[in-house]
Amino acid sequence: MLPKEKVKNLIDRHLEIEKELSTGGVDKKKFAAISKEYSELSDIIKNAKEYLNFHKETEDLKNIINDKKSDIELIEFANNELETLKKNFQINEKKIKLFLLPKDLADSKNAIIEIRAGTGGLEASLFASDLYKMYEKVSQKKKWLIEVISISKSDAGGLKEVIALIKGKNIYSSLKYESGVHRVQRVPDTETQGRVHTSAATVAVLPEAEDLDIKLDEKDLRIDVFRSSGPGGQSVNTTDSAVRITHIPTGIVVSQQDEKSQIRNKEKGMKILKSRIYDYERKKIDQERSKDRKSKIGTGDRSERIRTYNFPQGRVTDHRINLTLHKLEEFMEGEIFDEMIENLSLQAQQQELSKIN
């Protein structure tokens, strides 16, 4: 059971903020943060009050049940109320525990998604393209805005690499479990014998870093400029518009050449660099906090095989939670993407809850 004091603190804090907001004297800088905290607490306050009242209400109902003066109908009513009370107690306890779990501050952020063709040659690049189209369809259905930052195409409509920014509400919390190796099993169009080939693409999802998150010192950056090149290495620009930015302390390197303007390429490169450094720092902190990181869902490890898309059998399997959906076509159309994400989120929550039970 949860300590009563912890639950009472939630109610007290909600009341405290309510009084503070009603005075109208909240500092403008603090207003947004306090309002957000108040809104989050408002979602759990009913559960907290019911949780604290459970024992008193239980005693009252038991007194009615054990009272010899109570008639049969009243006793039956009290027994039913007691069963409902016990069920609600369990629901409230779980909701409060989830609320008290440490918050991932990045959950509310936009996300930068990086998709790269892995092993499998042309088929891998076609699969990378299919994955990107899937995320595009998910974004359209959810009314998220998707903006390509960098793209490198291969033959036959495939993608060697694509980096995109996805904007909306709580994007990172919805997509963070997508990082890792995505494996595809299907018969390529070029296969004359009908044999199933296996290839892969890697996905990395990073929270978009804002200026408040990452402060970069100019002395820590090495910026090189060069001419953009196309397939085969031929120059596609007569000016040094392509930019390579190296963050010396971490060794993280970003190259950007999609734009004709060196300034625009530098802006896009810095956006990617900041997010990669922010993600790098977050992972370093997480690893220090948790020695069993490998057992967690959504480690962000892009070398970890997380999902298999089997086209001949029409199924998609997430290996982290052993979940198989026999609706691969619908999944690739973004139709049942939420079902996968909800199951991953639930499993991650259960893992965290088990630590405080």
Protein backbone atom coordinates (compact mmCIF):
# COMPACT_ATOMS: atom_id res chain seq x y z
CA MET A 1 0.00 0.00 0.00
CA LEU A 2 1.01 3.57 -0.61
CA PRO A 3 2.04 5.68 2.39
CA LYS A 4 -0.92 7.92 3.32
CA GLU A 5 1.40 10.89 3.73
CA LYS A 6 2.47 10.70 0.07
CA VAL A 7 -1.14 10.75 -1.09
CA LYS A 8 -2.06 13.54 1.33
CA ASN A 9 0.86 15.60 -0.02
CA LEU A 10 -0.76 15.52 -3.48
CA ILE A 11 -4.01 16.95 -2.11
CA ASP A 12 -2.18 19.58 -0.04
CA ARG A 13 -0.06 20.64 -3.02
CA HIS A 14 -3.16 20.94 -5.24
CA LEU A 15 -4.84 23.18 -2.65
CA GLU A 16 -1.68 25.24 -2.22
CA ILE A 17 -1.38 25.93 -5.98
CA GLU A 18 -5.10 26.67 -6.22
CA LYS A 19 -4.76 29.38 -3.59
CA GLU A 20 -1.61 30.75 -5.24
CA LEU A 21 -3.27 30.97 -8.68
CA SER A 22 -6.43 32.58 -7.25
CA THR A 23 -4.41 35.49 -5.81
CA GLY A 24 -3.29 36.51 -9.30
CA GLY A 25 0.15 37.30 -7.95
CA VAL A 26 2.06 34.46 -9.64
CA ASP A 27 5.26 35.52 -11.38
CA LYS A 28 4.89 35.33 -15.19
CA LYS A 29 7.95 33.10 -15.48
CA LYS A 30 6.47 30.63 -12.99
CA PHE A 31 2.87 30.80 -14.22
CA ALA A 32 3.16 28.28 -17.07
CA ALA A 33 4.96 25.69 -14.93
CA ILE A 34 2.59 26.09 -11.96
CA SER A 35 -0.49 25.95 -14.19
CA LYS A 36 0.80 22.75 -15.78
CA GLU A 37 1.45 21.19 -12.36
CA TYR A 38 -2.03 22.21 -11.20
CA SER A 39 -3.61 20.68 -14.30
CA GLU A 40 -1.72 17.40 -13.79
CA LEU A 41 -2.69 17.25 -10.10
CA SER A 42 -6.33 17.98 -10.97
CA ASP A 43 -6.40 14.75 -13.01
CA ILE A 44 -5.47 12.64 -9.96
CA ILE A 45 -7.02 14.56 -7.05
CA LYS A 46 -10.36 12.66 -7.10
CA ASN A 47 -8.49 9.34 -6.95
CA ALA A 48 -6.31 10.59 -4.08
CA LYS A 49 -9.32 11.70 -2.00
CA GLU A 50 -11.15 8.42 -2.59
CA TYR A 51 -7.99 6.50 -1.67
CA LEU A 52 -7.67 8.32 1.66
CA ASN A 53 -11.38 7.89 2.45
CA PHE A 54 -11.31 4.15 1.74
CA HIS A 55 -10.71 2.94 5.31
CA LYS A 56 -13.35 5.19 6.89
CA GLU A 57 -15.96 4.25 4.25
CA THR A 58 -15.06 0.56 4.64
CA GLU A 59 -15.56 0.76 8.40
CA ASP A 60 -18.94 2.51 7.96
CA LEU A 61 -20.15 -0.19 5.56
CA LYS A 62 -18.90 -3.00 7.79
CA ASN A 63 -20.77 -1.45 10.73
CA ILE A 64 -24.00 -1.54 8.69
CA ILE A 65 -23.35 -5.17 7.66
CA ASN A 66 -22.64 -6.27 11.25
CA ASP A 67 -25.44 -4.25 12.81
CA LYS A 68 -28.21 -6.65 13.88
CA LYS A 69 -30.75 -3.89 13.41
CA SER A 70 -29.98 -3.61 9.66
CA ASP A 71 -32.56 -5.20 7.38
CA ILE A 72 -31.62 -7.65 4.60
CA GLU A 73 -31.90 -5.09 1.77
CA LEU A 74 -29.63 -2.63 3.56
CA ILE A 75 -27.04 -5.35 4.26
CA GLU A 76 -27.14 -6.43 0.60
CA PHE A 77 -26.72 -2.82 -0.50
CA ALA A 78 -23.75 -2.36 1.91
CA ASN A 79 -22.08 -5.56 0.64
CA ASN A 80 -22.38 -4.39 -2.97
CA GLU A 81 -21.01 -0.97 -2.04
CA LEU A 82 -18.11 -2.63 -0.23
CA GLU A 83 -17.19 -4.69 -3.32
CA THR A 84 -17.30 -1.56 -5.49
CA LEU A 85 -15.21 0.31 -2.93
CA LYS A 86 -12.52 -2.41 -2.96
CA LYS A 87 -12.35 -2.42 -6.76
CA ASN A 88 -12.09 1.37 -6.88
CA PHE A 89 -9.39 1.27 -4.21
CA GLN A 90 -7.22 -0.93 -6.44
CA ILE A 91 -7.86 1.28 -9.47
CA ASN A 92 -7.08 4.44 -7.48
CA GLU A 93 -3.93 2.94 -6.01
CA LYS A 94 -2.61 2.01 -9.46
CA LYS A 95 -3.41 5.44 -10.92
CA ILE A 96 -1.70 7.23 -8.03
CA LYS A 97 1.36 4.97 -8.30
CA LEU A 98 1.61 5.75 -12.02
CA PHE A 99 1.26 9.46 -11.25
CA LEU A 100 4.04 9.27 -8.66
CA LEU A 101 6.45 7.55 -11.08
CA PRO A 102 9.41 9.78 -12.05
CA LYS A 103 8.39 11.88 -15.05
CA ASP A 104 10.44 11.81 -18.25
CA LEU A 105 10.76 15.54 -18.92
CA ALA A 106 11.33 14.80 -22.60
CA ASP A 107 7.92 13.13 -23.04
CA SER A 108 6.17 16.38 -23.92
CA LYS A 109 8.77 17.36 -26.52
CA ASN A 110 8.70 17.14 -30.30
CA ALA A 111 10.84 14.34 -31.75
CA ILE A 112 13.54 14.01 -34.37
CA ILE A 113 13.29 10.63 -36.09
CA GLU A 114 16.24 9.21 -38.02
CA ILE A 115 15.69 6.20 -40.30
CA ARG A 116 18.60 4.48 -42.05
CA ALA A 117 18.79 1.48 -44.36
CA GLY A 118 20.68 -1.36 -42.67
CA THR A 119 21.74 -4.78 -43.93
CA GLY A 120 20.05 -5.99 -47.10
CA GLY A 121 21.15 -3.64 -49.88
CA LEU A 122 18.38 -2.27 -52.11
CA GLU A 123 15.65 -4.12 -50.20
CA ALA A 124 16.81 -2.46 -46.94
CA SER A 125 16.54 0.98 -48.53
CA LEU A 126 13.02 0.16 -49.79
CA PHE A 127 12.07 -0.95 -46.28
CA ALA A 128 13.52 2.27 -44.82
CA SER A 129 11.25 4.15 -47.25
CA ASP A 130 8.24 2.03 -46.17
CA LEU A 131 8.94 2.79 -42.50
CA TYR A 132 9.12 6.51 -43.19
CA LYS A 133 5.80 6.34 -45.10
CA MET A 134 4.30 4.50 -42.11
CA TYR A 135 5.35 7.27 -39.72
CA GLU A 136 4.01 9.83 -42.21
CA LYS A 137 0.61 8.11 -42.19
CA VAL A 138 0.59 7.92 -38.38
CA SER A 139 1.40 11.65 -38.29
CA GLN A 140 -1.41 12.47 -40.71
CA LYS A 141 -3.96 10.50 -38.68
CA LYS A 142 -2.86 12.17 -35.46
CA LYS A 143 -2.59 15.61 -37.08
CA TRP A 144 1.11 15.83 -36.26
CA LEU A 145 3.31 18.02 -38.45
CA ILE A 146 6.22 16.18 -40.08
CA GLU A 147 9.08 18.19 -41.57
CA VAL A 148 11.99 16.61 -43.46
CA ILE A 149 15.35 17.90 -42.29
CA SER A 150 17.58 15.68 -44.42
CA ILE A 151 16.97 12.95 -46.99
CA SER A 152 19.19 10.69 -49.07
CA LYS A 153 17.47 8.58 -51.72
CA SER A 154 18.59 5.30 -53.26
CA ASP A 155 17.57 3.55 -56.46
CA ALA A 156 14.02 2.34 -57.13
CA GLY A 157 12.44 4.79 -54.68
CA GLY A 158 14.28 3.62 -51.58
CA LEU A 159 15.91 5.72 -48.86
CA LYS A 160 19.47 5.46 -47.61
CA GLU A 161 18.62 7.86 -44.79
CA VAL A 162 15.93 10.31 -43.76
CA ILE A 163 15.89 12.66 -40.78
CA ALA A 164 12.62 14.40 -39.93
CA LEU A 165 11.19 16.58 -37.18
CA ILE A 166 7.73 15.59 -35.93
CA LYS A 167 5.78 18.30 -34.09
CA GLY A 168 2.66 18.01 -31.96
CA LYS A 169 1.55 17.16 -28.43
CA ASN A 170 3.68 14.67 -26.45
CA ILE A 171 5.36 13.35 -29.59
CA TYR A 172 8.43 11.89 -27.90
CA SER A 173 6.31 9.90 -25.42
CA SER A 174 4.43 8.36 -28.38
CA LEU A 175 7.49 7.51 -30.47
CA LYS A 176 10.35 6.85 -28.04
CA TYR A 177 9.81 3.07 -28.15
CA GLU A 178 10.53 3.02 -31.90
CA SER A 179 14.32 3.30 -31.50
CA GLY A 180 16.14 0.16 -32.56
CA VAL A 181 16.52 -2.29 -35.45
CA HIS A 182 13.38 -3.01 -37.47
CA ARG A 183 13.65 -6.25 -39.46
CA VAL A 184 11.61 -7.12 -42.54
CA GLN A 185 10.98 -10.54 -44.07
CA ARG A 186 9.44 -10.52 -47.55
CA VAL A 187 9.91 -11.54 -51.18
CA PRO A 188 11.57 -8.64 -53.04
CA ASP A 189 10.18 -7.61 -56.44
CA THR A 190 13.53 -8.58 -58.00
CA GLU A 191 13.38 -12.14 -56.57
CA THR A 192 12.43 -14.57 -59.36
CA GLN A 193 12.48 -17.74 -57.23
CA GLY A 194 9.97 -16.45 -54.69
CA ARG A 195 12.45 -16.69 -51.81
CA VAL A 196 11.89 -14.66 -48.65
CA HIS A 197 14.71 -12.20 -47.92
CA THR A 198 15.54 -10.64 -44.56
CA SER A 199 16.79 -7.07 -44.35
CA ALA A 200 16.74 -4.30 -41.78
CA ALA A 201 16.56 -0.59 -41.11
CA THR A 202 17.51 1.32 -37.98
CA VAL A 203 15.33 3.93 -36.32
CA ALA A 204 16.52 6.46 -33.76
CA VAL A 205 14.04 8.77 -32.02
CA LEU A 206 15.48 11.78 -30.20
CA PRO A 207 13.64 14.43 -28.19
CA GLU A 208 14.01 17.79 -29.90
CA ALA A 209 16.42 19.87 -27.88
CA GLU A 210 15.45 23.46 -27.17
CA ASP A 211 17.87 26.28 -26.46
CA LEU A 212 17.11 25.95 -22.75
CA ASP A 213 18.14 22.26 -22.82
CA ILE A 214 21.52 22.59 -24.50
CA LYS A 215 23.97 25.48 -24.43
CA LEU A 216 26.76 25.00 -26.97
CA ASP A 217 30.08 26.79 -26.62
CA GLU A 218 31.59 27.90 -29.94
CA LYS A 219 35.02 26.65 -28.85
CA ASP A 220 33.59 23.13 -28.55
CA LEU A 221 32.51 23.12 -32.21
CA ARG A 222 34.49 22.49 -35.37
CA ILE A 223 32.63 23.57 -38.49
CA ASP A 224 33.85 22.47 -41.92
CA VAL A 225 32.28 23.51 -45.22
CA PHE A 226 32.47 21.62 -48.51
CA ARG A 227 30.64 21.19 -51.79
CA SER A 228 27.46 19.12 -51.84
CA SER A 229 27.78 15.82 -53.64
CA GLY A 230 25.19 13.60 -55.31
CA PRO A 231 25.17 9.90 -56.24
CA GLY A 232 28.62 8.64 -57.17
CA GLY A 233 30.26 11.61 -55.49
CA GLN A 234 29.73 14.11 -58.32
CA SER A 235 29.44 17.73 -57.24
CA VAL A 236 25.90 19.07 -57.40
CA ASN A 237 26.77 22.57 -56.25
CA THR A 238 29.42 25.04 -57.31
CA THR A 239 29.67 26.64 -53.86
CA ASP A 240 30.78 25.32 -50.47
CA SER A 241 27.24 25.09 -49.09
CA ALA A 242 27.47 21.71 -47.31
CA VAL A 243 28.31 21.83 -43.61
CA ARG A 244 29.90 19.34 -41.24
CA ILE A 245 29.67 20.17 -37.51
CA THR A 246 31.75 18.27 -34.95
CA HIS A 247 31.05 18.56 -31.22
CA ILE A 248 34.58 18.03 -29.89
CA PRO A 249 33.75 16.97 -26.27
CA THR A 250 31.43 14.12 -27.35
CA GLY A 251 32.77 13.40 -30.84
CA ILE A 252 29.24 13.69 -32.29
CA VAL A 253 29.34 14.68 -35.97
CA VAL A 254 26.50 16.02 -38.12
CA SER A 255 26.67 16.65 -41.87
CA GLN A 256 24.02 18.62 -43.74
CA GLN A 257 23.90 19.36 -47.47
CA ASP A 258 20.23 19.34 -48.49
CA GLU A 259 19.94 23.12 -48.80
CA LYS A 260 21.70 25.34 -51.34
CA SER A 261 22.36 27.85 -48.58
CA GLN A 262 25.27 27.25 -46.20
CA ILE A 263 23.37 29.18 -43.49
CA ARG A 264 20.29 26.94 -43.82
CA ASN A 265 22.45 23.81 -43.77
CA LYS A 266 24.17 25.05 -40.63
CA GLU A 267 20.79 25.80 -38.95
CA LYS A 268 19.47 22.31 -39.74
CA GLY A 269 22.76 20.71 -38.69
CA MET A 270 22.72 22.54 -35.35
CA LYS A 271 19.12 21.38 -34.69
CA ILE A 272 20.15 17.74 -35.20
CA LEU A 273 23.39 18.20 -33.23
CA LYS A 274 21.62 19.71 -30.20
CA SER A 275 19.10 16.87 -30.11
CA ARG A 276 21.83 14.22 -30.39
CA ILE A 277 23.84 15.83 -27.57
CA TYR A 278 20.70 16.16 -25.43
CA ASP A 279 19.90 12.48 -26.05
CA TYR A 280 23.53 11.53 -25.31
CA GLU A 281 23.46 13.37 -21.97
CA ARG A 282 20.08 11.81 -21.03
CA LYS A 283 21.37 8.30 -21.75
CA LYS A 284 24.50 8.92 -19.72
CA ILE A 285 22.39 9.94 -16.69
CA ASP A 286 20.04 6.96 -17.20
CA GLN A 287 22.96 4.53 -17.32
CA GLU A 288 24.33 5.92 -14.09
CA ARG A 289 20.91 5.52 -12.43
CA SER A 290 20.18 2.05 -13.74
CA LYS A 291 22.59 -0.84 -14.09
CA ASP A 292 19.88 -3.08 -15.60
CA ARG A 293 19.27 -0.73 -18.52
CA LYS A 294 19.38 -3.57 -21.06
CA SER A 295 16.31 -5.15 -19.52
CA LYS A 296 14.23 -2.04 -20.02
CA ILE A 297 11.81 -1.32 -22.82
CA GLY A 298 12.80 1.59 -25.01
CA THR A 299 16.49 1.74 -24.19
CA GLY A 300 17.02 3.80 -27.32
CA ASP A 301 19.75 1.38 -28.35
CA ARG A 302 19.63 1.41 -32.13
CA SER A 303 21.62 -1.87 -32.33
CA GLU A 304 18.85 -3.77 -30.52
CA ARG A 305 16.43 -5.72 -32.74
CA ILE A 306 13.02 -4.66 -31.58
CA ARG A 307 10.49 -5.63 -34.24
CA THR A 308 9.97 -7.97 -37.19
CA TYR A 309 7.62 -7.26 -40.11
CA ASN A 310 6.79 -10.59 -41.76
CA PHE A 311 4.94 -9.93 -45.02
CA PRO A 312 4.31 -13.55 -46.18
CA GLN A 313 2.53 -14.26 -42.86
CA GLY A 314 0.98 -10.78 -42.57
CA ARG A 315 2.23 -10.22 -39.04
CA VAL A 316 4.27 -7.71 -37.07
CA THR A 317 6.02 -8.85 -33.86
CA ASP A 318 7.54 -6.69 -31.16
CA HIS A 319 10.23 -8.80 -29.50
CA ARG A 320 10.47 -6.71 -26.32
CA ILE A 321 6.95 -7.56 -25.18
CA ASN A 322 6.37 -10.70 -27.31
CA LEU A 323 3.36 -9.08 -28.95
CA THR A 324 2.27 -10.22 -32.43
CA LEU A 325 -0.39 -8.42 -34.43
CA HIS A 326 -1.72 -10.31 -37.44
CA LYS A 327 -2.63 -7.09 -39.23
CA LEU A 328 0.60 -6.05 -40.92
CA GLU A 329 -1.06 -4.12 -43.77
CA GLU A 330 -3.16 -2.08 -41.33
CA PHE A 331 -0.06 -1.47 -39.20
CA MET A 332 1.93 -0.14 -42.18
CA GLU A 333 -1.01 2.15 -42.97
CA GLY A 334 -0.80 3.58 -39.45
CA GLU A 335 -4.20 2.13 -38.55
CA ILE A 336 -3.29 0.11 -35.44
CA PHE A 337 -0.02 1.80 -34.52
CA ASP A 338 -1.57 3.01 -31.24
CA GLU A 339 -2.26 -0.57 -30.15
CA MET A 340 1.46 -1.37 -30.29
CA ILE A 341 2.49 1.83 -28.51
CA GLU A 342 -0.11 1.40 -25.76
CA ASN A 343 1.13 -2.13 -25.05
CA LEU A 344 4.76 -0.95 -24.95
CA SER A 345 3.86 1.94 -22.63
CA LEU A 346 1.87 -0.36 -20.35
CA GLN A 347 4.72 -2.85 -20.09
CA ALA A 348 7.20 -0.07 -19.33
CA GLN A 349 4.89 1.26 -16.61
CA GLN A 350 4.50 -2.22 -15.10
CA GLN A 351 8.29 -2.55 -14.92
CA GLU A 352 8.54 0.77 -13.11
CA LEU A 353 5.62 -0.04 -10.80
CA SER A 354 7.19 -3.35 -9.79
CA LYS A 355 10.07 -1.36 -8.28
CA ILE A 356 7.82 0.50 -5.86
CA ASN A 357 5.39 -2.30 -4.98
